[in-house]
Amino acid sequence: MKFNYDIQIDLHGCKAEDAVSKVRAICFSRRGKSVMVIHGKGDGKLRKAIRDYLENNKYIKGYEFGEDWNIPGGDGVTIIYT
C-alpha cells in the first residue's frame, strides 16, 4: 500500500511550542492540502502537542493517526487535512 501526501514536515528535534507553530503555519498557508507530520515516537511530547492543537482547531478539516491506518511510522506520524 502506498501513501501520498501533498506536504511532509519532519519535526524531529523541535520543541513542542516550535513544532505547533510550524504546523499552524503550514496548515494556514496550504489550505486544501494533506500534510504528513512526522513527530516521531520518543517520549510522546511532540505527538501530544500536535494532536492537542488539532483537537482544538476548528479550521482543520480532519486528521488521522498513523497507528490507526497502518501508515509507516505508526504513532510517530499524524496526517492533517487542511
Protein backbone atom coordinates (compact mmCIF):
# COMPACT_ATOMS: atom_id res chain seq x y z
CA MET A 1 0.00 0.00 0.00
CA LYS A 2 1.38 3.43 -0.95
CA PHE A 3 0.55 6.63 0.88
CA ASN A 4 0.75 10.03 -0.80
CA TYR A 5 0.50 13.41 0.86
CA ASP A 6 0.84 16.90 -0.57
CA ILE A 7 3.27 18.09 2.11
CA GLN A 8 5.57 16.34 4.55
CA ILE A 9 7.11 18.00 7.59
CA ASP A 10 9.62 16.40 9.92
CA LEU A 11 9.57 17.84 13.43
CA HIS A 12 12.33 15.73 14.98
CA GLY A 13 14.40 17.87 17.31
CA CYS A 14 11.80 20.64 17.66
CA LYS A 15 10.45 21.82 20.96
CA ALA A 16 6.69 21.33 21.30
CA GLU A 17 5.87 25.04 21.02
CA ASP A 18 8.02 25.44 17.89
CA ALA A 19 6.53 22.29 16.36
CA VAL A 20 2.97 23.55 16.85
CA SER A 21 3.93 26.92 15.32
CA LYS A 22 5.36 25.18 12.23
CA VAL A 23 2.27 23.01 11.83
CA ARG A 24 -0.02 26.01 12.29
CA ALA A 25 1.86 27.98 9.62
CA ILE A 26 1.70 25.14 7.10
CA CYS A 27 -1.97 24.47 7.75
CA PHE A 28 -2.95 28.10 7.23
CA SER A 29 -0.74 28.69 4.21
CA ARG A 30 -1.61 25.47 2.38
CA ARG A 31 -5.39 25.19 2.62
CA GLY A 32 -6.94 22.17 0.89
CA LYS A 33 -3.82 20.03 1.21
CA SER A 34 -2.89 16.91 3.11
CA VAL A 35 0.09 17.16 5.44
CA MET A 36 2.09 14.25 6.81
CA VAL A 37 3.56 15.36 10.12
CA ILE A 38 6.47 13.24 11.33
CA HIS A 39 6.82 13.97 15.02
CA GLY A 40 8.46 10.70 15.97
CA LYS A 41 7.69 8.37 18.83
CA GLY A 42 10.19 9.36 21.52
CA ASP A 43 8.65 10.39 24.81
CA GLY A 44 5.40 11.49 23.11
CA LYS A 45 5.63 15.22 23.91
CA LEU A 46 5.61 16.34 20.26
CA ARG A 47 2.84 13.90 19.35
CA LYS A 48 0.70 15.14 22.23
CA ALA A 49 1.32 18.82 21.44
CA ILE A 50 0.43 18.37 17.76
CA ARG A 51 -2.64 16.28 18.45
CA ASP A 52 -3.87 18.64 21.17
CA TYR A 53 -3.53 21.53 18.72
CA LEU A 54 -5.56 19.64 16.10
CA GLU A 55 -8.27 18.64 18.54
CA ASN A 56 -8.90 22.26 19.47
CA ASN A 57 -8.66 23.76 15.97
CA LYS A 58 -11.94 24.31 14.15
CA TYR A 59 -10.12 25.25 10.92
CA ILE A 60 -8.64 21.78 10.36
CA LYS A 61 -10.93 19.60 8.19
CA GLY A 62 -9.68 16.38 9.72
CA TYR A 63 -6.76 14.33 10.87
CA GLU A 64 -5.71 10.71 11.20
CA PHE A 65 -3.22 8.98 13.40
CA GLY A 66 -0.58 6.78 11.77
CA GLU A 67 -1.23 3.93 14.17
CA ASP A 68 -4.91 3.80 13.22
CA TRP A 69 -4.25 3.32 9.49
CA ASN A 70 -1.06 1.25 9.48
CA ILE A 71 0.81 4.19 8.00
CA PRO A 72 4.59 3.67 8.02
CA GLY A 73 5.86 5.34 11.16
CA GLY A 74 2.82 4.30 13.18
CA ASP A 75 2.25 6.51 16.20
CA GLY A 76 5.16 8.70 15.14
CA VAL A 77 3.05 10.16 12.32
CA THR A 78 -0.11 12.29 12.14
CA ILE A 79 -1.92 13.18 8.90
CA ILE A 80 -3.71 16.53 8.71
CA TYR A 81 -6.31 17.59 6.13
CA THR A 82 -6.48 21.36 5.82
